Amino acid sequence: MATVASQVVLHPTVSQSIKYGGTTLGRDKAYRAIQYFARFYAWFLLSKGDKEAAARWNALKTHLATGRKLLRLGKPLEHLQAALKAALASGPPGEQITAIGRQIGYFGYLSFDALVWVNAIKFYSFSPETSNKVSRLANRFWLAGILLNIVSGALKSVRLAKEERRLKRSKVLSEKDVGQEAEEEMRLSTILASRDATRHQLIIDLLDLWIPATALGISSMNDGVLGIFGLITSVMAGQKQWQSVNGKK
């Protein structure tokens, strides 16, 4: 019995899960996945007329959303630092400008989102009008950050595709020594990895943008669709964090 227990408790997957859960980002993505599943499932239950069960899942969604705001209280400064680093770095102007704008957008979003949290826990109560205004500002900054990241990702994808074609053409047309060939293979491998990461983030952004857009009344998607979108992007981002934490590619 002890052997079976040790095999379960000390299983590599369990150890990797503990390591993943030990990171703030890992926990946030896990909570987010449950939060958006709860959003979808509450909508599903309401569509079936089960209001009592839907209320439980809505409560879970609300409390997870509030808890995640607490986890993100320090993140505005991270995005402000990232904006400054992007401004000081060299790179294609279009990608640099959109990267700076994206970081400023997320700084604004998370700053106003912290005020939403303060109001939600009743530490300081805003008037309904002020609360609504703060929430709308948070969603506007969030949507702006996502849109800028989509533009940045599109520009980067085009640039990487050009570099990939150039390297492949160069490899075919010219003869090189072993050192040069190995260097170009490494460069091509780096470009392909960067291209895949950029496409991965583009998919996340293209799904996530509907959440603030709907909150602002720009789109009219129901909670079922938004819940599924949020669940998909949470799993995708969580998978990336899992690979990062556990040293997998």
Protein backbone atom coordinates (compact mmCIF):
# COMPACT_ATOMS: atom_id res chain seq x y z
CA MET A 1 0.00 0.00 0.00
CA ALA A 2 2.84 2.36 0.94
CA THR A 3 4.58 1.54 -2.35
CA VAL A 4 1.46 2.39 -4.36
CA ALA A 5 1.00 5.64 -2.41
CA SER A 6 4.62 6.65 -2.95
CA GLN A 7 4.36 5.88 -6.68
CA VAL A 8 1.31 8.16 -6.92
CA VAL A 9 2.56 10.97 -4.67
CA LEU A 10 6.11 10.95 -6.07
CA HIS A 11 5.05 10.50 -9.69
CA PRO A 12 6.89 12.92 -12.03
CA THR A 13 3.58 14.46 -13.18
CA VAL A 14 2.65 15.23 -9.57
CA SER A 15 6.07 16.80 -8.98
CA GLN A 16 5.74 18.86 -12.16
CA SER A 17 2.23 19.97 -11.12
CA ILE A 18 3.54 21.11 -7.72
CA LYS A 19 6.32 23.02 -9.45
CA TYR A 20 3.80 24.61 -11.84
CA GLY A 21 1.41 25.50 -9.02
CA GLY A 22 4.30 27.04 -7.10
CA THR A 23 4.47 29.89 -9.63
CA THR A 24 2.07 32.83 -9.49
CA LEU A 25 1.51 32.66 -13.24
CA GLY A 26 0.82 28.93 -13.08
CA ARG A 27 -1.82 29.35 -10.38
CA ASP A 28 -3.34 32.31 -12.21
CA LYS A 29 -3.77 30.33 -15.43
CA ALA A 30 -5.30 27.39 -13.53
CA TYR A 31 -7.74 29.71 -11.73
CA ARG A 32 -8.54 31.47 -15.00
CA ALA A 33 -9.34 28.18 -16.73
CA ILE A 34 -11.76 27.23 -13.95
CA GLN A 35 -13.22 30.76 -13.93
CA TYR A 36 -14.06 30.71 -17.63
CA PHE A 37 -15.32 27.13 -17.52
CA ALA A 38 -17.62 28.27 -14.69
CA ARG A 39 -18.77 31.17 -16.89
CA PHE A 40 -19.62 28.78 -19.70
CA TYR A 41 -21.25 26.20 -17.45
CA ALA A 42 -23.38 28.77 -15.59
CA TRP A 43 -24.65 30.00 -18.99
CA PHE A 44 -25.35 26.40 -20.03
CA LEU A 45 -27.29 25.67 -16.82
CA LEU A 46 -29.31 28.88 -17.19
CA SER A 47 -30.18 27.91 -20.76
CA LYS A 48 -31.54 24.65 -19.32
CA GLY A 49 -33.52 26.54 -16.67
CA ASP A 50 -31.46 25.30 -13.68
CA LYS A 51 -31.08 28.64 -11.89
CA GLU A 52 -29.98 27.20 -8.53
CA ALA A 53 -27.00 25.28 -9.95
CA ALA A 54 -26.16 28.22 -12.25
CA ALA A 55 -25.99 30.54 -9.21
CA ARG A 56 -23.33 28.28 -7.62
CA TRP A 57 -21.16 28.35 -10.74
CA ASN A 58 -21.67 32.10 -11.12
CA ALA A 59 -20.52 32.57 -7.52
CA LEU A 60 -17.41 30.45 -8.23
CA LYS A 61 -16.68 32.52 -11.34
CA THR A 62 -17.07 35.81 -9.44
CA HIS A 63 -14.88 34.78 -6.51
CA LEU A 64 -12.13 33.40 -8.76
CA ALA A 65 -12.17 36.65 -10.78
CA THR A 66 -11.82 38.66 -7.55
CA GLY A 67 -9.02 36.42 -6.27
CA ARG A 68 -7.11 36.73 -9.55
CA LYS A 69 -7.25 40.52 -9.26
CA LEU A 70 -5.42 40.20 -5.93
CA LEU A 71 -2.70 38.06 -7.57
CA ARG A 72 -2.18 40.77 -10.20
CA LEU A 73 -1.81 43.78 -7.87
CA GLY A 74 1.92 44.21 -8.59
CA LYS A 75 1.77 43.59 -12.33
CA PRO A 76 1.16 47.19 -13.53
CA LEU A 77 4.75 48.02 -12.59
CA GLU A 78 6.01 44.98 -14.53
CA HIS A 79 4.28 46.26 -17.66
CA LEU A 80 5.58 49.79 -17.07
CA GLN A 81 9.12 48.41 -16.85
CA ALA A 82 8.53 46.33 -19.98
CA ALA A 83 7.33 49.46 -21.83
CA LEU A 84 10.50 51.31 -20.83
CA LYS A 85 12.71 48.39 -21.88
CA ALA A 86 10.90 48.21 -25.23
CA ALA A 87 11.46 51.95 -25.73
CA LEU A 88 15.20 51.57 -25.04
CA ALA A 89 15.63 48.45 -27.18
CA SER A 90 16.42 48.55 -30.88
CA GLY A 91 14.22 46.88 -33.46
CA PRO A 92 11.81 47.46 -36.35
CA PRO A 93 9.91 50.72 -35.59
CA GLY A 94 6.45 49.23 -36.12
CA GLU A 95 7.07 46.32 -33.77
CA GLN A 96 8.72 48.60 -31.20
CA ILE A 97 5.90 51.16 -31.15
CA THR A 98 3.17 48.52 -30.88
CA ALA A 99 5.14 46.69 -28.15
CA ILE A 100 5.38 49.91 -26.12
CA GLY A 101 1.69 50.64 -26.69
CA ARG A 102 0.72 47.10 -25.67
CA GLN A 103 2.63 47.37 -22.39
CA ILE A 104 1.10 50.77 -21.62
CA GLY A 105 -2.34 49.33 -22.44
CA TYR A 106 -1.84 46.50 -19.97
CA PHE A 107 -0.46 48.92 -17.37
CA GLY A 108 -3.67 50.95 -17.63
CA TYR A 109 -5.87 47.85 -17.64
CA LEU A 110 -4.32 46.31 -14.52
CA SER A 111 -4.18 49.65 -12.70
CA PHE A 112 -7.91 50.25 -13.14
CA ASP A 113 -8.57 46.56 -12.51
CA ALA A 114 -6.95 47.00 -9.08
CA LEU A 115 -9.52 49.73 -8.36
CA VAL A 116 -12.26 47.32 -9.42
CA TRP A 117 -10.87 44.86 -6.83
CA VAL A 118 -10.80 47.55 -4.11
CA ASN A 119 -14.47 48.24 -4.78
CA ALA A 120 -15.36 44.51 -5.03
CA ILE A 121 -13.98 43.70 -1.56
CA LYS A 122 -15.65 46.85 -0.11
CA PHE A 123 -12.31 48.25 1.09
CA TYR A 124 -13.40 51.48 -0.56
CA SER A 125 -16.83 51.73 -2.13
CA PHE A 126 -17.34 53.73 -5.29
CA SER A 127 -20.66 55.06 -6.43
CA PRO A 128 -22.33 52.85 -9.09
CA GLU A 129 -21.53 55.47 -11.73
CA THR A 130 -17.83 55.65 -10.75
CA SER A 131 -17.59 51.86 -10.47
CA ASN A 132 -19.01 51.46 -13.97
CA LYS A 133 -16.63 54.11 -15.34
CA VAL A 134 -13.57 52.44 -13.76
CA SER A 135 -14.63 49.03 -15.12
CA ARG A 136 -15.13 50.44 -18.64
CA LEU A 137 -11.72 52.15 -18.54
CA ALA A 138 -10.09 48.87 -17.50
CA ASN A 139 -11.74 47.06 -20.42
CA ARG A 140 -10.80 49.82 -22.88
CA PHE A 141 -7.13 49.57 -21.89
CA TRP A 142 -7.33 45.76 -22.03
CA LEU A 143 -8.84 45.83 -25.52
CA ALA A 144 -6.27 48.41 -26.70
CA GLY A 145 -3.43 46.25 -25.33
CA ILE A 146 -4.73 43.15 -27.10
CA LEU A 147 -5.25 44.96 -30.43
CA LEU A 148 -1.76 46.45 -30.31
CA ASN A 149 -0.32 43.02 -29.55
CA ILE A 150 -2.17 41.58 -32.55
CA VAL A 151 -0.68 44.28 -34.80
CA SER A 152 2.77 43.66 -33.30
CA GLY A 153 2.39 39.91 -33.80
CA ALA A 154 1.28 40.36 -37.41
CA LEU A 155 4.26 42.62 -38.18
CA LYS A 156 6.65 40.19 -36.51
CA SER A 157 5.14 37.21 -38.37
CA VAL A 158 5.68 38.95 -41.73
CA ARG A 159 9.29 39.82 -40.83
CA LEU A 160 10.07 36.28 -39.63
CA ALA A 161 8.52 34.76 -42.75
CA LYS A 162 10.77 36.95 -44.93
CA GLU A 163 13.86 35.98 -42.92
CA GLU A 164 12.91 32.30 -43.13
CA ARG A 165 12.53 32.46 -46.92
CA ARG A 166 15.82 34.34 -47.27
CA LEU A 167 17.74 31.80 -45.22
CA LYS A 168 16.23 28.83 -47.04
CA ARG A 169 16.97 30.42 -50.43
CA SER A 170 20.52 31.22 -49.36
CA LYS A 171 21.00 27.64 -48.22
CA VAL A 172 19.95 26.28 -51.62
CA LEU A 173 21.77 28.76 -53.86
CA SER A 174 25.19 29.07 -52.21
CA GLU A 175 27.87 26.73 -50.97
CA LYS A 176 29.11 27.24 -47.40
CA ASP A 177 31.58 25.64 -45.06
CA VAL A 178 30.42 23.53 -42.13
CA GLY A 179 30.67 26.44 -39.64
CA GLN A 180 28.55 28.80 -41.73
CA GLU A 181 25.98 26.10 -42.43
CA ALA A 182 25.65 25.25 -38.72
CA GLU A 183 25.27 28.95 -37.89
CA GLU A 184 22.50 29.37 -40.45
CA GLU A 185 20.75 26.21 -39.22
CA MET A 186 20.78 27.63 -35.70
CA ARG A 187 19.48 30.96 -36.95
CA LEU A 188 16.69 29.22 -38.89
CA SER A 189 15.78 27.16 -35.83
CA THR A 190 15.56 30.35 -33.75
CA ILE A 191 13.33 32.01 -36.35
CA LEU A 192 10.99 29.00 -36.52
CA ALA A 193 10.69 28.88 -32.71
CA SER A 194 9.97 32.62 -32.60
CA ARG A 195 7.41 32.25 -35.42
CA ASP A 196 5.59 29.46 -33.57
CA ALA A 197 5.54 31.47 -30.32
CA THR A 198 4.20 34.53 -32.17
CA ARG A 199 1.43 32.51 -33.85
CA HIS A 200 0.54 30.91 -30.52
CA GLN A 201 0.14 34.35 -28.92
CA LEU A 202 -1.84 35.65 -31.92
CA ILE A 203 -4.40 32.87 -31.48
CA ILE A 204 -4.73 33.73 -27.78
CA ASP A 205 -5.18 37.44 -28.55
CA LEU A 206 -7.70 36.85 -31.35
CA LEU A 207 -9.89 34.86 -28.94
CA ASP A 208 -9.34 37.03 -25.85
CA LEU A 209 -10.18 40.33 -27.55
CA TRP A 210 -13.90 39.40 -27.58
CA ILE A 211 -14.04 39.42 -23.77
CA PRO A 212 -13.37 43.17 -23.27
CA ALA A 213 -15.12 43.96 -26.57
CA THR A 214 -18.31 42.33 -25.26
CA ALA A 215 -17.96 44.02 -21.85
CA LEU A 216 -17.80 47.37 -23.68
CA GLY A 217 -20.84 46.56 -25.82
CA ILE A 218 -18.82 46.46 -29.06
CA SER A 219 -19.77 42.83 -29.66
CA SER A 220 -22.70 40.80 -28.36
CA MET A 221 -21.29 37.34 -27.70
CA ASN A 222 -22.99 35.35 -24.96
CA ASP A 223 -21.29 34.01 -21.83
CA GLY A 224 -21.19 30.50 -23.28
CA VAL A 225 -18.97 31.52 -26.19
CA LEU A 226 -16.81 33.84 -24.05
CA GLY A 227 -16.42 31.10 -21.46
CA ILE A 228 -15.17 28.66 -24.09
CA PHE A 229 -12.80 31.29 -25.57
CA GLY A 230 -11.43 32.09 -22.12
CA LEU A 231 -11.00 28.41 -21.28
CA ILE A 232 -9.11 27.74 -24.53
CA THR A 233 -6.73 30.69 -24.07
CA SER A 234 -6.17 29.80 -20.40
CA VAL A 235 -5.18 26.25 -21.34
CA MET A 236 -2.92 27.52 -24.15
CA ALA A 237 -1.16 30.01 -21.89
CA GLY A 238 -1.01 27.47 -19.07
CA GLN A 239 0.60 24.92 -21.39
CA LYS A 240 3.29 27.47 -22.28
CA GLN A 241 3.94 28.14 -18.59
CA TRP A 242 4.05 24.38 -17.88
CA GLN A 243 6.72 23.92 -20.55
CA SER A 244 8.68 26.89 -19.22
CA VAL A 245 8.59 25.75 -15.60
CA ASN A 246 9.40 22.10 -16.38
CA GLY A 247 12.09 22.85 -18.95
CA LYS A 248 10.22 21.41 -21.94
CA LYS A 249 10.04 22.77 -25.49
